[in-house]
Amino acid sequence: MSLCQLLSLRQRVLGIDIEHHFDSDLNRHGFEILLLCNKEHLFILNTLEILDLKELIQSGFVALGLASERIAAQVTV
C-alpha cells in the first residue's frame, strides 16, 4: 500500500463508530464492510476485529512516527 492508501485506511478505520456495533437497531449483525483503494480491497470485520484493527493502525502510525498528535503539532508550528 502507498502512504496515501494507508492514510485513507486509517481515516476509514478510525471513522467507524464502534458503539453502533452494540446497538441492534443500528448494526444488527455486528459486521462492518470496508472497501478500500477504489474497491480493490474488501474487508468484512466483526466487532473484535475492528477493535484489533484500530489498535494496529494506531500502533503502526506511532511506530512510523506518523501519529496524528505529532502531525497536528507540526502543522500548527
Protein backbone atom coordinates (compact mmCIF):
# COMPACT_ATOMS: atom_id res chain seq x y z
CA MET A 1 0.00 0.00 0.00
CA SER A 2 1.13 3.52 -0.69
CA LEU A 3 1.22 6.15 2.04
CA CYS A 4 -1.94 7.76 0.65
CA GLN A 5 -3.75 4.43 0.77
CA LEU A 6 -2.50 3.82 4.29
CA LEU A 7 -3.75 7.24 5.38
CA SER A 8 -7.10 6.50 3.77
CA LEU A 9 -7.29 3.19 5.62
CA ARG A 10 -6.56 4.98 8.90
CA GLN A 11 -9.31 7.52 8.26
CA ARG A 12 -11.83 4.82 7.38
CA VAL A 13 -10.97 2.62 10.37
CA LEU A 14 -10.88 5.44 12.92
CA GLY A 15 -14.17 6.74 11.50
CA ILE A 16 -16.02 3.56 12.43
CA ASP A 17 -18.38 4.22 15.33
CA ILE A 18 -17.87 1.12 17.48
CA GLU A 19 -20.91 2.00 19.60
CA HIS A 20 -23.14 1.14 16.63
CA HIS A 21 -21.98 -2.47 16.95
CA PHE A 22 -23.63 -2.70 20.35
CA ASP A 23 -26.94 -1.22 19.19
CA SER A 24 -29.02 -3.87 17.41
CA ASP A 25 -31.09 -1.19 15.63
CA LEU A 26 -28.04 0.41 14.00
CA ASN A 27 -25.98 -2.71 13.26
CA ARG A 28 -27.98 -5.87 13.74
CA HIS A 29 -25.25 -8.35 12.75
CA GLY A 30 -22.22 -6.61 14.23
CA PHE A 31 -20.22 -6.53 10.99
CA GLU A 32 -18.55 -3.69 9.15
CA ILE A 33 -17.69 -3.75 5.45
CA LEU A 34 -14.72 -1.68 4.31
CA LEU A 35 -13.99 -1.07 0.64
CA LEU A 36 -10.53 0.38 0.07
CA CYS A 37 -8.32 1.56 -2.78
CA ASN A 38 -11.05 2.06 -5.37
CA LYS A 39 -12.71 -1.21 -4.38
CA GLU A 40 -9.51 -3.25 -4.84
CA HIS A 41 -9.69 -4.48 -1.25
CA LEU A 42 -12.72 -5.68 0.68
CA PHE A 43 -12.72 -6.28 4.42
CA ILE A 44 -15.63 -7.79 6.34
CA LEU A 45 -14.89 -7.33 10.02
CA ASN A 46 -16.71 -8.19 13.22
CA THR A 47 -16.59 -6.00 16.33
CA LEU A 48 -13.50 -7.61 17.85
CA GLU A 49 -11.60 -7.44 14.55
CA ILE A 50 -12.44 -3.74 14.24
CA LEU A 51 -11.09 -3.07 17.73
CA ASP A 52 -7.90 -5.00 16.89
CA LEU A 53 -7.52 -3.19 13.56
CA LYS A 54 -7.95 0.21 15.26
CA GLU A 55 -5.20 -0.70 17.73
CA LEU A 56 -2.95 -1.97 14.94
CA ILE A 57 -3.43 1.19 12.87
CA GLN A 58 -2.75 3.48 15.82
CA SER A 59 0.33 1.49 16.91
CA GLY A 60 1.62 1.30 13.35
CA PHE A 61 1.44 5.03 12.83
CA VAL A 62 3.16 5.65 16.16
CA ALA A 63 5.93 3.23 15.13
CA LEU A 64 6.29 5.02 11.80
CA GLY A 65 6.42 8.36 13.56
CA LEU A 66 3.23 9.50 11.83
CA ALA A 67 0.91 9.62 14.82
CA SER A 68 -1.87 12.18 14.42
CA GLU A 69 -0.81 14.10 17.54
CA ARG A 70 2.67 14.58 16.14
CA ILE A 71 1.37 15.63 12.72
CA ALA A 72 -1.06 18.10 14.35
CA ALA A 73 1.79 19.60 16.38
CA GLN A 74 3.94 20.04 13.28
CA VAL A 75 1.13 21.67 11.30
CA THR A 76 0.45 24.29 13.99
CA VAL A 77 4.13 25.27 14.25
